[in-house]
Amino acid sequence: MVGTPRPRSLPRSGTQPSEVIAISLSGVLVTCLAAFVVSAAVGLSVWIVVFFGLLSGLQSVAWLADRTSVWRA
């Protein structure tokens, strides 16, 4: 018919294999980066707790040694 537009070709529903590989590779990289950030944050917080625990333990030992010292004036 004259004046009737031709139907457009519909886009393919599937993706190209190279697109799938690129998407999954970037997904893996983002997941690895997120896992690294989480593990670094947890590791640092554990080390901070251990460090302050050691400091307060040393302070307690120093306080006890000062209280029980024979050289106390």
N, C-alpha and C. Protein backbone atom coordinates (compact mmCIF):
# COMPACT_ATOMS: atom_id res chain seq x y z
N MET A 1 0.83 -1.17 0.00
CA MET A 1 0.00 0.00 0.00
C MET A 1 0.88 1.24 0.00
N VAL A 2 0.34 2.24 -0.60
CA VAL A 2 1.07 3.50 -0.65
C VAL A 2 0.76 4.28 0.62
N GLY A 3 1.77 4.84 1.25
CA GLY A 3 1.58 5.64 2.45
C GLY A 3 1.57 4.85 3.74
N THR A 4 1.56 3.53 3.68
CA THR A 4 1.61 2.72 4.90
C THR A 4 3.07 2.52 5.28
N PRO A 5 3.45 2.95 6.49
CA PRO A 5 4.86 2.78 6.86
C PRO A 5 5.21 1.30 7.03
N ARG A 6 6.43 1.02 6.67
CA ARG A 6 6.93 -0.33 6.84
C ARG A 6 7.22 -0.58 8.31
N PRO A 7 6.84 -1.72 8.85
CA PRO A 7 7.14 -1.98 10.27
C PRO A 7 8.65 -2.05 10.49
N ARG A 8 9.06 -1.45 11.57
CA ARG A 8 10.49 -1.49 11.90
C ARG A 8 10.86 -2.89 12.36
N SER A 9 12.11 -3.20 12.16
CA SER A 9 12.56 -4.50 12.67
C SER A 9 12.76 -4.37 14.17
N LEU A 10 12.24 -5.32 14.87
CA LEU A 10 12.33 -5.30 16.33
C LEU A 10 13.76 -5.63 16.76
N PRO A 11 14.21 -5.03 17.83
CA PRO A 11 15.56 -5.37 18.31
C PRO A 11 15.59 -6.81 18.80
N ARG A 12 16.74 -7.40 18.63
CA ARG A 12 16.87 -8.78 19.09
C ARG A 12 16.80 -8.84 20.61
N SER A 13 16.15 -9.85 21.09
CA SER A 13 15.99 -9.95 22.54
C SER A 13 17.26 -10.45 23.22
N GLY A 14 18.08 -11.18 22.50
CA GLY A 14 19.31 -11.71 23.10
C GLY A 14 20.43 -10.70 23.03
N THR A 15 21.46 -10.94 23.80
CA THR A 15 22.63 -10.07 23.77
C THR A 15 23.76 -10.81 23.10
N GLN A 16 24.70 -10.06 22.63
CA GLN A 16 25.87 -10.66 21.99
C GLN A 16 26.74 -11.33 23.04
N PRO A 17 27.44 -12.39 22.68
CA PRO A 17 28.32 -13.04 23.67
C PRO A 17 29.39 -12.11 24.23
N SER A 18 29.90 -11.19 23.41
CA SER A 18 30.92 -10.26 23.92
C SER A 18 30.33 -9.32 24.96
N GLU A 19 29.04 -8.95 24.79
CA GLU A 19 28.39 -8.10 25.78
C GLU A 19 28.20 -8.84 27.09
N VAL A 20 27.86 -10.11 27.00
CA VAL A 20 27.67 -10.92 28.20
C VAL A 20 28.98 -11.06 28.94
N ILE A 21 30.06 -11.29 28.21
CA ILE A 21 31.38 -11.43 28.85
C ILE A 21 31.78 -10.12 29.50
N ALA A 22 31.54 -9.00 28.83
CA ALA A 22 31.92 -7.70 29.39
C ALA A 22 31.10 -7.39 30.63
N ILE A 23 29.81 -7.70 30.59
CA ILE A 23 28.96 -7.43 31.75
C ILE A 23 29.37 -8.31 32.92
N SER A 24 29.61 -9.58 32.66
CA SER A 24 29.96 -10.45 33.78
C SER A 24 31.35 -10.14 34.32
N LEU A 25 32.27 -9.72 33.46
CA LEU A 25 33.61 -9.36 33.94
C LEU A 25 33.54 -8.11 34.80
N SER A 26 32.79 -7.11 34.37
CA SER A 26 32.67 -5.91 35.20
C SER A 26 31.92 -6.21 36.49
N GLY A 27 30.94 -7.11 36.43
CA GLY A 27 30.23 -7.51 37.65
C GLY A 27 31.15 -8.21 38.63
N VAL A 28 32.02 -9.06 38.10
CA VAL A 28 32.97 -9.76 38.97
C VAL A 28 33.95 -8.77 39.58
N LEU A 29 34.41 -7.81 38.80
CA LEU A 29 35.35 -6.82 39.33
C LEU A 29 34.72 -5.95 40.41
N VAL A 30 33.48 -5.54 40.19
CA VAL A 30 32.79 -4.73 41.19
C VAL A 30 32.56 -5.54 42.46
N THR A 31 32.19 -6.81 42.30
CA THR A 31 31.98 -7.68 43.46
C THR A 31 33.27 -7.89 44.24
N CYS A 32 34.37 -8.10 43.53
CA CYS A 32 35.66 -8.28 44.20
C CYS A 32 36.09 -7.01 44.92
N LEU A 33 35.87 -5.86 44.30
CA LEU A 33 36.21 -4.60 44.95
C LEU A 33 35.38 -4.37 46.20
N ALA A 34 34.10 -4.68 46.12
CA ALA A 34 33.24 -4.52 47.30
C ALA A 34 33.66 -5.48 48.41
N ALA A 35 34.01 -6.71 48.05
CA ALA A 35 34.45 -7.67 49.06
C ALA A 35 35.76 -7.21 49.70
N PHE A 36 36.66 -6.65 48.91
CA PHE A 36 37.92 -6.15 49.45
C PHE A 36 37.69 -4.99 50.41
N VAL A 37 36.80 -4.08 50.05
CA VAL A 37 36.52 -2.93 50.91
C VAL A 37 35.91 -3.39 52.23
N VAL A 38 34.99 -4.33 52.16
CA VAL A 38 34.35 -4.83 53.39
C VAL A 38 35.36 -5.54 54.27
N SER A 39 36.20 -6.40 53.66
CA SER A 39 37.17 -7.13 54.47
C SER A 39 38.24 -6.20 55.05
N ALA A 40 38.61 -5.17 54.30
CA ALA A 40 39.58 -4.20 54.83
C ALA A 40 38.98 -3.42 56.00
N ALA A 41 37.72 -3.05 55.89
CA ALA A 41 37.07 -2.32 56.99
C ALA A 41 36.96 -3.19 58.23
N VAL A 42 36.58 -4.44 58.04
CA VAL A 42 36.47 -5.36 59.19
C VAL A 42 37.84 -5.61 59.79
N GLY A 43 38.83 -5.83 58.95
CA GLY A 43 40.18 -6.07 59.46
C GLY A 43 40.74 -4.88 60.22
N LEU A 44 40.52 -3.68 59.70
CA LEU A 44 41.00 -2.49 60.40
C LEU A 44 40.29 -2.29 61.73
N SER A 45 39.00 -2.55 61.75
CA SER A 45 38.28 -2.37 63.01
C SER A 45 38.73 -3.39 64.05
N VAL A 46 39.03 -4.61 63.61
CA VAL A 46 39.54 -5.61 64.55
C VAL A 46 40.89 -5.17 65.09
N TRP A 47 41.77 -4.67 64.22
CA TRP A 47 43.08 -4.23 64.69
C TRP A 47 42.97 -3.04 65.63
N ILE A 48 42.02 -2.15 65.39
CA ILE A 48 41.83 -1.01 66.29
C ILE A 48 41.38 -1.49 67.66
N VAL A 49 40.45 -2.44 67.69
CA VAL A 49 39.98 -2.99 68.97
C VAL A 49 41.13 -3.67 69.70
N VAL A 50 41.93 -4.46 68.99
CA VAL A 50 43.07 -5.14 69.62
C VAL A 50 44.08 -4.13 70.14
N PHE A 51 44.37 -3.10 69.35
CA PHE A 51 45.35 -2.09 69.76
C PHE A 51 44.91 -1.36 71.02
N PHE A 52 43.66 -0.91 71.05
CA PHE A 52 43.19 -0.21 72.24
C PHE A 52 43.04 -1.16 73.43
N GLY A 53 42.75 -2.41 73.17
CA GLY A 53 42.73 -3.40 74.25
C GLY A 53 44.11 -3.59 74.85
N LEU A 54 45.13 -3.64 73.99
CA LEU A 54 46.50 -3.76 74.51
C LEU A 54 46.90 -2.51 75.28
N LEU A 55 46.54 -1.35 74.77
CA LEU A 55 46.89 -0.12 75.48
C LEU A 55 46.23 -0.05 76.85
N SER A 56 44.96 -0.39 76.92
CA SER A 56 44.29 -0.33 78.23
C SER A 56 44.82 -1.43 79.15
N GLY A 57 45.20 -2.57 78.58
CA GLY A 57 45.81 -3.61 79.40
C GLY A 57 47.14 -3.17 79.96
N LEU A 58 47.95 -2.52 79.13
CA LEU A 58 49.24 -2.01 79.62
C LEU A 58 49.04 -0.93 80.67
N GLN A 59 48.04 -0.10 80.48
CA GLN A 59 47.76 0.94 81.46
C GLN A 59 47.33 0.32 82.79
N SER A 60 46.54 -0.75 82.72
CA SER A 60 46.11 -1.43 83.95
C SER A 60 47.29 -2.06 84.66
N VAL A 61 48.19 -2.67 83.90
CA VAL A 61 49.37 -3.28 84.51
C VAL A 61 50.25 -2.21 85.13
N ALA A 62 50.42 -1.09 84.43
CA ALA A 62 51.24 0.00 84.98
C ALA A 62 50.61 0.57 86.25
N TRP A 63 49.28 0.71 86.24
CA TRP A 63 48.59 1.22 87.43
C TRP A 63 48.76 0.25 88.59
N LEU A 64 48.60 -1.05 88.32
CA LEU A 64 48.74 -2.05 89.38
C LEU A 64 50.17 -2.10 89.90
N ALA A 65 51.14 -2.00 89.00
CA ALA A 65 52.54 -2.01 89.43
C ALA A 65 52.85 -0.77 90.27
N ASP A 66 52.28 0.35 89.91
CA ASP A 66 52.51 1.57 90.69
C ASP A 66 51.85 1.46 92.07
N ARG A 67 50.68 0.86 92.13
CA ARG A 67 49.97 0.74 93.41
C ARG A 67 50.65 -0.25 94.35
N THR A 68 51.29 -1.25 93.79
CA THR A 68 51.88 -2.29 94.64
C THR A 68 53.40 -2.16 94.74
N SER A 69 53.95 -1.05 94.27
CA SER A 69 55.40 -0.90 94.27
C SER A 69 55.90 -0.62 95.68
N VAL A 70 57.03 -1.26 96.01
CA VAL A 70 57.65 -1.00 97.31
C VAL A 70 58.39 0.33 97.31
N TRP A 71 58.68 0.84 96.14
CA TRP A 71 59.42 2.08 96.04
C TRP A 71 58.50 3.29 96.07
N ARG A 72 57.24 3.04 96.32
CA ARG A 72 56.28 4.13 96.32
C ARG A 72 56.58 5.08 97.48
N ALA A 73 56.49 6.35 97.25
CA ALA A 73 56.81 7.32 98.30
C ALA A 73 55.60 7.58 99.17
